[in-house]
Amino acid sequence: MNTTSQPRPVLRDAGAGNLVRQTHATVTIKLEASQAEEGRIGAAEFTFPPHFGPPLHIHHAEDEILQVLEGTLRVVCGDVDATLDAGGFAYLPRGVPHTFQVQGDRPARALALFTPGGAEGLFTAPPEEFDARAERYQVEFVGPPLGA
């Protein structure tokens, strides 16, 4: 008999997870790094209002993957500038400045995967703690949002 423990799956129904309402987005943490073997991955689902976009930023500790679930996002990463509709996919490597902006007058929804995990914890911070938490997670803001 094998006595080593097996990694545990994490299954979530639609809308389930740790729901956090931010100033400009609703975030549902789908997978905390602590739930993944060796913290290899974390996941969060975001609902963004029309025209929202974060400041240009760099993740120094993890890669980010965005899967657009609803709506349209303009994604800028390094010298690549593309518009992605529902079903679109973006790999945003660590160390490369990136941002996005919701296009049109409808909200957008996206699933973000972080590898290794941990950055999903950034989005559970109250607004007044966001900058300090960004530093803790090695996220550096290097420019304004698109359209600013």
C-alpha atoms as a PDB file:
ATOM      1  CA  MET A   1       0.000   0.000   0.000  1.00  0.00           C
ATOM      2  CA  ASN A   2       1.273   3.466  -0.936  1.00  0.00           C
ATOM      3  CA  THR A   3       1.410   5.690   2.160  1.00  0.00           C
ATOM      4  CA  THR A   4       2.369   8.957   0.441  1.00  0.00           C
ATOM      5  CA  SER A   5      -0.432  11.477   0.247  1.00  0.00           C
ATOM      6  CA  GLN A   6      -1.934  12.288  -3.111  1.00  0.00           C
ATOM      7  CA  PRO A   7      -2.554  15.887  -4.146  1.00  0.00           C
ATOM      8  CA  ARG A   8      -6.202  16.826  -3.527  1.00  0.00           C
ATOM      9  CA  PRO A   9      -8.345  18.067  -6.399  1.00  0.00           C
ATOM     10  CA  VAL A  10     -10.210  21.339  -5.976  1.00  0.00           C
ATOM     11  CA  LEU A  11     -13.572  21.561  -7.696  1.00  0.00           C
ATOM     12  CA  ARG A  12     -15.718  24.689  -7.760  1.00  0.00           C
ATOM     13  CA  ASP A  13     -19.216  25.253  -9.069  1.00  0.00           C
ATOM     14  CA  ALA A  14     -19.844  28.337 -11.207  1.00  0.00           C
ATOM     15  CA  GLY A  15     -19.690  31.386  -8.965  1.00  0.00           C
ATOM     16  CA  ALA A  16     -18.098  29.458  -6.082  1.00  0.00           C
ATOM     17  CA  GLY A  17     -14.861  30.459  -4.398  1.00  0.00           C
ATOM     18  CA  ASN A  18     -13.648  33.206  -2.090  1.00  0.00           C
ATOM     19  CA  LEU A  19     -15.541  36.254  -3.415  1.00  0.00           C
ATOM     20  CA  VAL A  20     -13.858  39.638  -2.972  1.00  0.00           C
ATOM     21  CA  ARG A  21     -15.341  42.922  -4.183  1.00  0.00           C
ATOM     22  CA  GLN A  22     -12.610  45.345  -5.160  1.00  0.00           C
ATOM     23  CA  THR A  23     -13.094  48.999  -6.063  1.00  0.00           C
ATOM     24  CA  HIS A  24     -13.190  48.226  -9.795  1.00  0.00           C
ATOM     25  CA  ALA A  25     -13.684  44.473 -10.041  1.00  0.00           C
ATOM     26  CA  THR A  26     -15.238  41.441  -8.495  1.00  0.00           C
ATOM     27  CA  VAL A  27     -12.708  38.696  -7.822  1.00  0.00           C
ATOM     28  CA  THR A  28     -13.478  35.071  -7.048  1.00  0.00           C
ATOM     29  CA  ILE A  29     -10.437  33.149  -5.856  1.00  0.00           C
ATOM     30  CA  LYS A  30     -10.875  29.730  -7.440  1.00  0.00           C
ATOM     31  CA  LEU A  31      -7.623  28.140  -6.271  1.00  0.00           C
ATOM     32  CA  GLU A  32      -5.285  29.425  -3.585  1.00  0.00           C
ATOM     33  CA  ALA A  33      -1.646  28.454  -3.937  1.00  0.00           C
ATOM     34  CA  SER A  34      -1.907  26.741  -0.544  1.00  0.00           C
ATOM     35  CA  GLN A  35      -4.419  24.318  -2.103  1.00  0.00           C
ATOM     36  CA  ALA A  36      -2.046  23.299  -4.916  1.00  0.00           C
ATOM     37  CA  GLU A  37       0.852  20.913  -4.480  1.00  0.00           C
ATOM     38  CA  GLU A  38       3.942  22.964  -3.588  1.00  0.00           C
ATOM     39  CA  GLY A  39       1.992  26.153  -4.454  1.00  0.00           C
ATOM     40  CA  ARG A  40       2.570  25.542  -8.147  1.00  0.00           C
ATOM     41  CA  ILE A  41      -0.521  27.426  -9.326  1.00  0.00           C
ATOM     42  CA  GLY A  42      -3.232  29.835  -8.211  1.00  0.00           C
ATOM     43  CA  ALA A  43      -6.393  30.929 -10.017  1.00  0.00           C
ATOM     44  CA  ALA A  44      -8.865  33.789  -9.805  1.00  0.00           C
ATOM     45  CA  GLU A  45     -11.901  34.746 -11.864  1.00  0.00           C
ATOM     46  CA  PHE A  46     -12.421  38.468 -12.457  1.00  0.00           C
ATOM     47  CA  THR A  47     -15.458  40.462 -13.547  1.00  0.00           C
ATOM     48  CA  PHE A  48     -14.411  43.911 -14.765  1.00  0.00           C
ATOM     49  CA  PRO A  49     -16.647  46.896 -15.532  1.00  0.00           C
ATOM     50  CA  PRO A  50     -16.619  48.530 -18.988  1.00  0.00           C
ATOM     51  CA  HIS A  51     -13.414  50.423 -19.821  1.00  0.00           C
ATOM     52  CA  PHE A  52     -11.564  49.140 -16.716  1.00  0.00           C
ATOM     53  CA  GLY A  53      -7.881  48.371 -16.907  1.00  0.00           C
ATOM     54  CA  PRO A  54      -5.110  48.084 -14.330  1.00  0.00           C
ATOM     55  CA  PRO A  55      -1.950  50.196 -14.475  1.00  0.00           C
ATOM     56  CA  LEU A  56       0.905  48.870 -16.573  1.00  0.00           C
ATOM     57  CA  HIS A  57       2.668  46.427 -14.270  1.00  0.00           C
ATOM     58  CA  ILE A  58       5.260  43.678 -14.018  1.00  0.00           C
ATOM     59  CA  HIS A  59       4.938  40.382 -12.154  1.00  0.00           C
ATOM     60  CA  HIS A  60       8.477  39.567 -11.031  1.00  0.00           C
ATOM     61  CA  ALA A  61       7.656  36.233  -9.364  1.00  0.00           C
ATOM     62  CA  GLU A  62       5.122  34.464 -11.604  1.00  0.00           C
ATOM     63  CA  ASP A  63       3.759  34.034 -15.105  1.00  0.00           C
ATOM     64  CA  GLU A  64       0.126  34.962 -15.724  1.00  0.00           C
ATOM     65  CA  ILE A  65      -2.323  33.349 -18.085  1.00  0.00           C
ATOM     66  CA  LEU A  66      -5.585  35.107 -18.982  1.00  0.00           C
ATOM     67  CA  GLN A  67      -8.520  33.271 -20.523  1.00  0.00           C
ATOM     68  CA  VAL A  68     -11.252  35.682 -21.637  1.00  0.00           C
ATOM     69  CA  LEU A  69     -14.614  34.187 -20.671  1.00  0.00           C
ATOM     70  CA  GLU A  70     -16.961  37.042 -21.627  1.00  0.00           C
ATOM     71  CA  GLY A  71     -16.538  40.414 -23.270  1.00  0.00           C
ATOM     72  CA  THR A  72     -13.496  41.856 -25.002  1.00  0.00           C
ATOM     73  CA  LEU A  73     -10.079  42.771 -23.604  1.00  0.00           C
ATOM     74  CA  ARG A  74      -7.312  44.769 -25.237  1.00  0.00           C
ATOM     75  CA  VAL A  75      -4.126  43.172 -23.912  1.00  0.00           C
ATOM     76  CA  VAL A  76      -0.705  44.825 -24.101  1.00  0.00           C
ATOM     77  CA  CYS A  77       2.364  42.814 -23.116  1.00  0.00           C
ATOM     78  CA  GLY A  78       5.785  44.126 -24.057  1.00  0.00           C
ATOM     79  CA  ASP A  79       5.510  45.191 -27.694  1.00  0.00           C
ATOM     80  CA  VAL A  80       2.431  43.039 -28.408  1.00  0.00           C
ATOM     81  CA  ASP A  81      -0.966  44.792 -28.521  1.00  0.00           C
ATOM     82  CA  ALA A  82      -3.988  42.588 -29.288  1.00  0.00           C
ATOM     83  CA  THR A  83      -7.739  42.534 -28.800  1.00  0.00           C
ATOM     84  CA  LEU A  84      -9.183  39.276 -27.473  1.00  0.00           C
ATOM     85  CA  ASP A  85     -12.844  38.304 -27.480  1.00  0.00           C
ATOM     86  CA  ALA A  86     -14.469  35.575 -25.375  1.00  0.00           C
ATOM     87  CA  GLY A  87     -12.391  32.427 -25.802  1.00  0.00           C
ATOM     88  CA  GLY A  88      -9.200  34.452 -26.321  1.00  0.00           C
ATOM     89  CA  PHE A  89      -6.056  33.474 -24.446  1.00  0.00           C
ATOM     90  CA  ALA A  90      -2.972  35.401 -23.301  1.00  0.00           C
ATOM     91  CA  TYR A  91       0.282  34.165 -21.785  1.00  0.00           C
ATOM     92  CA  LEU A  92       1.938  37.051 -19.927  1.00  0.00           C
ATOM     93  CA  PRO A  93       5.472  36.039 -18.907  1.00  0.00           C
ATOM     94  CA  ARG A  94       7.012  37.248 -15.669  1.00  0.00           C
ATOM     95  CA  GLY A  95       9.317  40.220 -16.016  1.00  0.00           C
ATOM     96  CA  VAL A  96       7.448  41.722 -18.996  1.00  0.00           C
ATOM     97  CA  PRO A  97       5.311  44.864 -18.489  1.00  0.00           C
ATOM     98  CA  HIS A  98       1.661  44.224 -19.286  1.00  0.00           C
ATOM     99  CA  THR A  99      -1.847  45.562 -18.868  1.00  0.00           C
ATOM    100  CA  PHE A 100      -5.298  45.212 -20.383  1.00  0.00           C
ATOM    101  CA  GLN A 101      -8.473  47.213 -20.823  1.00  0.00           C
ATOM    102  CA  VAL A 102     -12.113  46.165 -21.187  1.00  0.00           C
ATOM    103  CA  GLN A 103     -13.347  47.249 -24.604  1.00  0.00           C
ATOM    104  CA  GLY A 104     -16.874  48.476 -25.259  1.00  0.00           C
ATOM    105  CA  ASP A 105     -19.733  49.229 -22.915  1.00  0.00           C
ATOM    106  CA  ARG A 106     -20.177  45.745 -21.478  1.00  0.00           C
ATOM    107  CA  PRO A 107     -18.344  44.118 -18.557  1.00  0.00           C
ATOM    108  CA  ALA A 108     -15.748  41.452 -19.201  1.00  0.00           C
ATOM    109  CA  ARG A 109     -14.967  38.281 -17.302  1.00  0.00           C
ATOM    110  CA  ALA A 110     -11.621  36.468 -17.322  1.00  0.00           C
ATOM    111  CA  LEU A 111      -9.910  33.585 -15.567  1.00  0.00           C
ATOM    112  CA  ALA A 112      -6.346  34.334 -14.469  1.00  0.00           C
ATOM    113  CA  LEU A 113      -3.879  31.577 -13.638  1.00  0.00           C
ATOM    114  CA  PHE A 114      -0.653  32.399 -11.821  1.00  0.00           C
ATOM    115  CA  THR A 115       2.319  30.064 -11.814  1.00  0.00           C
ATOM    116  CA  PRO A 116       3.734  29.600  -9.342  1.00  0.00           C
ATOM    117  CA  GLY A 117       0.683  30.462  -7.313  1.00  0.00           C
ATOM    118  CA  GLY A 118       0.412  33.181  -4.733  1.00  0.00           C
ATOM    119  CA  ALA A 119      -0.381  36.353  -6.688  1.00  0.00           C
ATOM    120  CA  GLU A 120      -4.087  35.580  -6.351  1.00  0.00           C
ATOM    121  CA  GLY A 121      -3.642  36.677  -2.726  1.00  0.00           C
ATOM    122  CA  LEU A 122      -2.908  40.199  -3.949  1.00  0.00           C
ATOM    123  CA  PHE A 123      -6.560  40.641  -4.877  1.00  0.00           C
ATOM    124  CA  THR A 124      -7.907  39.863  -1.423  1.00  0.00           C
ATOM    125  CA  ALA A 125      -6.290  43.009   0.014  1.00  0.00           C
ATOM    126  CA  PRO A 126      -8.486  45.922   1.091  1.00  0.00           C
ATOM    127  CA  PRO A 127      -7.914  48.931  -1.215  1.00  0.00           C
ATOM    128  CA  GLU A 128      -5.834  50.757   1.404  1.00  0.00           C
ATOM    129  CA  GLU A 129      -3.439  47.770   1.631  1.00  0.00           C
ATOM    130  CA  PHE A 130      -3.190  47.068  -2.096  1.00  0.00           C
ATOM    131  CA  ASP A 131       0.140  48.859  -2.741  1.00  0.00           C
ATOM    132  CA  ALA A 132       1.854  47.232   0.239  1.00  0.00           C
ATOM    133  CA  ARG A 133       0.548  43.836  -0.767  1.00  0.00           C
ATOM    134  CA  ALA A 134       1.669  44.384  -4.381  1.00  0.00           C
ATOM    135  CA  GLU A 135       5.203  44.921  -3.108  1.00  0.00           C
ATOM    136  CA  ARG A 136       4.960  41.729  -1.032  1.00  0.00           C
ATOM    137  CA  TYR A 137       3.890  39.775  -4.130  1.00  0.00           C
ATOM    138  CA  GLN A 138       6.636  41.391  -6.243  1.00  0.00           C
ATOM    139  CA  VAL A 139       4.223  43.223  -8.540  1.00  0.00           C
ATOM    140  CA  GLU A 140       5.636  46.550  -9.719  1.00  0.00           C
ATOM    141  CA  PHE A 141       3.474  49.306 -11.227  1.00  0.00           C
ATOM    142  CA  VAL A 142       5.428  50.960 -14.054  1.00  0.00           C
ATOM    143  CA  GLY A 143       2.875  53.050 -15.964  1.00  0.00           C
ATOM    144  CA  PRO A 144      -0.713  54.222 -16.232  1.00  0.00           C
ATOM    145  CA  PRO A 145      -3.708  52.174 -17.377  1.00  0.00           C
ATOM    146  CA  LEU A 146      -4.470  52.146 -21.103  1.00  0.00           C
ATOM    147  CA  GLY A 147      -6.362  55.260 -22.124  1.00  0.00           C
ATOM    148  CA  ALA A 148      -5.223  57.282 -19.102  1.00  0.00           C
END
